[in-house]
Amino acid sequence: MKPVGITLLLLVVFIITNGFTCKKKTECDGFVVQLDYDDVNNSIGTQTVHGQPPFTYEWSNGSKTSFLIPPGSGTYSVTVTDLNRCGASSFIKVP
């Protein structure tokens, strides 16, 4: 008969390690984010390539949307994460 503490510890380790599994590099290959600045509407748009939706966005100014209306000139960056926890980053300079 196994002690209950060891069984519980193994169960907890199994749950924790399965919650944070690493993805194979091949699952993330080709995942990129492209940025375009629209000077007419003063907005930066994103386009993802080879990622699995849904996406989350983290801009250098803290915004979490798929587009950004920059408050002024400067360099802005975004990191996009997909469903598989693959990440892609890009930056753009706004005049």
C-alpha atoms as a PDB file:
ATOM      1  CA  MET A   1       0.000   0.000   0.000  1.00  0.00           C
ATOM      2  CA  LYS A   2       1.397   3.409  -1.036  1.00  0.00           C
ATOM      3  CA  PRO A   3       1.418   6.214   1.465  1.00  0.00           C
ATOM      4  CA  VAL A   4      -1.226   8.818   0.602  1.00  0.00           C
ATOM      5  CA  GLY A   5       1.327  11.685   0.717  1.00  0.00           C
ATOM      6  CA  ILE A   6       3.450  10.246  -2.102  1.00  0.00           C
ATOM      7  CA  THR A   7       0.435   9.623  -4.345  1.00  0.00           C
ATOM      8  CA  LEU A   8      -0.822  13.162  -3.748  1.00  0.00           C
ATOM      9  CA  LEU A   9       2.633  14.606  -4.462  1.00  0.00           C
ATOM     10  CA  LEU A  10       2.843  12.705  -7.763  1.00  0.00           C
ATOM     11  CA  LEU A  11      -0.612  13.954  -8.748  1.00  0.00           C
ATOM     12  CA  VAL A  12       0.332  17.571  -7.984  1.00  0.00           C
ATOM     13  CA  VAL A  13       3.589  17.277  -9.955  1.00  0.00           C
ATOM     14  CA  PHE A  14       1.681  15.775 -12.895  1.00  0.00           C
ATOM     15  CA  ILE A  15      -0.859  18.628 -12.912  1.00  0.00           C
ATOM     16  CA  ILE A  16       1.796  21.333 -12.633  1.00  0.00           C
ATOM     17  CA  THR A  17       4.031  19.925 -15.358  1.00  0.00           C
ATOM     18  CA  ASN A  18       1.095  19.401 -17.722  1.00  0.00           C
ATOM     19  CA  GLY A  19      -0.079  22.971 -17.156  1.00  0.00           C
ATOM     20  CA  PHE A  20       3.258  24.348 -18.353  1.00  0.00           C
ATOM     21  CA  THR A  21       4.243  22.079 -21.201  1.00  0.00           C
ATOM     22  CA  CYS A  22       6.764  23.465 -23.627  1.00  0.00           C
ATOM     23  CA  LYS A  23       5.799  23.557 -27.249  1.00  0.00           C
ATOM     24  CA  LYS A  24       8.027  22.025 -29.875  1.00  0.00           C
ATOM     25  CA  LYS A  25       9.932  24.587 -31.888  1.00  0.00           C
ATOM     26  CA  THR A  26       8.260  23.322 -35.070  1.00  0.00           C
ATOM     27  CA  GLU A  27       4.838  24.345 -33.705  1.00  0.00           C
ATOM     28  CA  CYS A  28       6.036  27.957 -33.639  1.00  0.00           C
ATOM     29  CA  ASP A  29       8.064  28.004 -36.866  1.00  0.00           C
ATOM     30  CA  GLY A  30       6.948  30.727 -39.222  1.00  0.00           C
ATOM     31  CA  PHE A  31       4.836  32.587 -36.640  1.00  0.00           C
ATOM     32  CA  VAL A  32       5.465  36.290 -37.180  1.00  0.00           C
ATOM     33  CA  VAL A  33       3.691  39.562 -36.608  1.00  0.00           C
ATOM     34  CA  GLN A  34       3.867  42.346 -39.182  1.00  0.00           C
ATOM     35  CA  LEU A  35       3.135  45.984 -38.395  1.00  0.00           C
ATOM     36  CA  ASP A  36       1.822  48.702 -40.711  1.00  0.00           C
ATOM     37  CA  TYR A  37       1.530  52.390 -39.890  1.00  0.00           C
ATOM     38  CA  ASP A  38      -1.465  54.202 -41.409  1.00  0.00           C
ATOM     39  CA  ASP A  39      -0.534  57.886 -41.372  1.00  0.00           C
ATOM     40  CA  VAL A  40      -4.007  58.966 -42.543  1.00  0.00           C
ATOM     41  CA  ASN A  41      -5.746  57.384 -39.518  1.00  0.00           C
ATOM     42  CA  ASN A  42      -2.695  57.559 -37.229  1.00  0.00           C
ATOM     43  CA  SER A  43      -2.872  53.879 -36.319  1.00  0.00           C
ATOM     44  CA  ILE A  44      -0.574  50.872 -36.248  1.00  0.00           C
ATOM     45  CA  GLY A  45      -2.164  47.627 -37.399  1.00  0.00           C
ATOM     46  CA  THR A  46      -0.978  44.070 -36.853  1.00  0.00           C
ATOM     47  CA  GLN A  47      -1.098  41.078 -39.129  1.00  0.00           C
ATOM     48  CA  THR A  48      -0.123  37.624 -37.894  1.00  0.00           C
ATOM     49  CA  VAL A  49       1.252  34.885 -40.100  1.00  0.00           C
ATOM     50  CA  HIS A  50       1.163  31.156 -39.259  1.00  0.00           C
ATOM     51  CA  GLY A  51      -0.202  31.555 -35.736  1.00  0.00           C
ATOM     52  CA  GLN A  52      -3.146  29.816 -34.099  1.00  0.00           C
ATOM     53  CA  PRO A  53      -5.963  32.158 -32.943  1.00  0.00           C
ATOM     54  CA  PRO A  54      -6.969  33.512 -30.559  1.00  0.00           C
ATOM     55  CA  PHE A  55      -4.096  35.968 -30.134  1.00  0.00           C
ATOM     56  CA  THR A  56      -3.134  38.160 -27.209  1.00  0.00           C
ATOM     57  CA  TYR A  57      -1.322  41.457 -27.716  1.00  0.00           C
ATOM     58  CA  GLU A  58       1.094  43.318 -25.453  1.00  0.00           C
ATOM     59  CA  TRP A  59       2.254  46.709 -26.738  1.00  0.00           C
ATOM     60  CA  SER A  60       5.226  48.600 -25.369  1.00  0.00           C
ATOM     61  CA  ASN A  61       2.868  51.232 -23.933  1.00  0.00           C
ATOM     62  CA  GLY A  62       0.733  48.609 -22.141  1.00  0.00           C
ATOM     63  CA  SER A  63      -2.126  48.441 -24.648  1.00  0.00           C
ATOM     64  CA  LYS A  64      -3.618  44.991 -25.275  1.00  0.00           C
ATOM     65  CA  THR A  65      -5.471  45.463 -28.574  1.00  0.00           C
ATOM     66  CA  SER A  66      -4.675  44.247 -32.094  1.00  0.00           C
ATOM     67  CA  PHE A  67      -4.041  47.843 -33.204  1.00  0.00           C
ATOM     68  CA  LEU A  68      -2.547  50.928 -31.596  1.00  0.00           C
ATOM     69  CA  ILE A  69      -3.216  54.630 -31.940  1.00  0.00           C
ATOM     70  CA  PRO A  70       0.193  56.040 -31.033  1.00  0.00           C
ATOM     71  CA  PRO A  71       0.118  59.163 -28.858  1.00  0.00           C
ATOM     72  CA  GLY A  72       3.087  60.641 -30.745  1.00  0.00           C
ATOM     73  CA  SER A  73       6.214  59.892 -32.710  1.00  0.00           C
ATOM     74  CA  GLY A  74       8.563  57.185 -31.491  1.00  0.00           C
ATOM     75  CA  THR A  75       9.237  53.480 -31.641  1.00  0.00           C
ATOM     76  CA  TYR A  76       6.447  51.102 -30.686  1.00  0.00           C
ATOM     77  CA  SER A  77       6.738  47.345 -30.241  1.00  0.00           C
ATOM     78  CA  VAL A  78       4.256  44.536 -29.793  1.00  0.00           C
ATOM     79  CA  THR A  79       4.485  40.929 -28.679  1.00  0.00           C
ATOM     80  CA  VAL A  80       1.748  38.624 -29.919  1.00  0.00           C
ATOM     81  CA  THR A  81       1.080  35.229 -28.320  1.00  0.00           C
ATOM     82  CA  ASP A  82      -1.098  32.585 -29.933  1.00  0.00           C
ATOM     83  CA  LEU A  83      -3.170  29.686 -28.621  1.00  0.00           C
ATOM     84  CA  ASN A  84      -0.088  27.417 -28.554  1.00  0.00           C
ATOM     85  CA  ARG A  85       1.816  29.986 -26.454  1.00  0.00           C
ATOM     86  CA  CYS A  86       4.090  30.777 -29.397  1.00  0.00           C
ATOM     87  CA  GLY A  87       5.290  34.379 -29.349  1.00  0.00           C
ATOM     88  CA  ALA A  88       6.281  36.831 -32.054  1.00  0.00           C
ATOM     89  CA  SER A  89       7.502  40.401 -31.640  1.00  0.00           C
ATOM     90  CA  SER A  90       7.968  43.344 -33.942  1.00  0.00           C
ATOM     91  CA  PHE A  91       8.539  47.076 -33.753  1.00  0.00           C
ATOM     92  CA  ILE A  92       7.840  50.115 -35.896  1.00  0.00           C
ATOM     93  CA  LYS A  93       9.019  53.727 -35.894  1.00  0.00           C
ATOM     94  CA  VAL A  94       6.302  56.346 -36.166  1.00  0.00           C
ATOM     95  CA  PRO A  95       7.458  59.712 -37.592  1.00  0.00           C
END
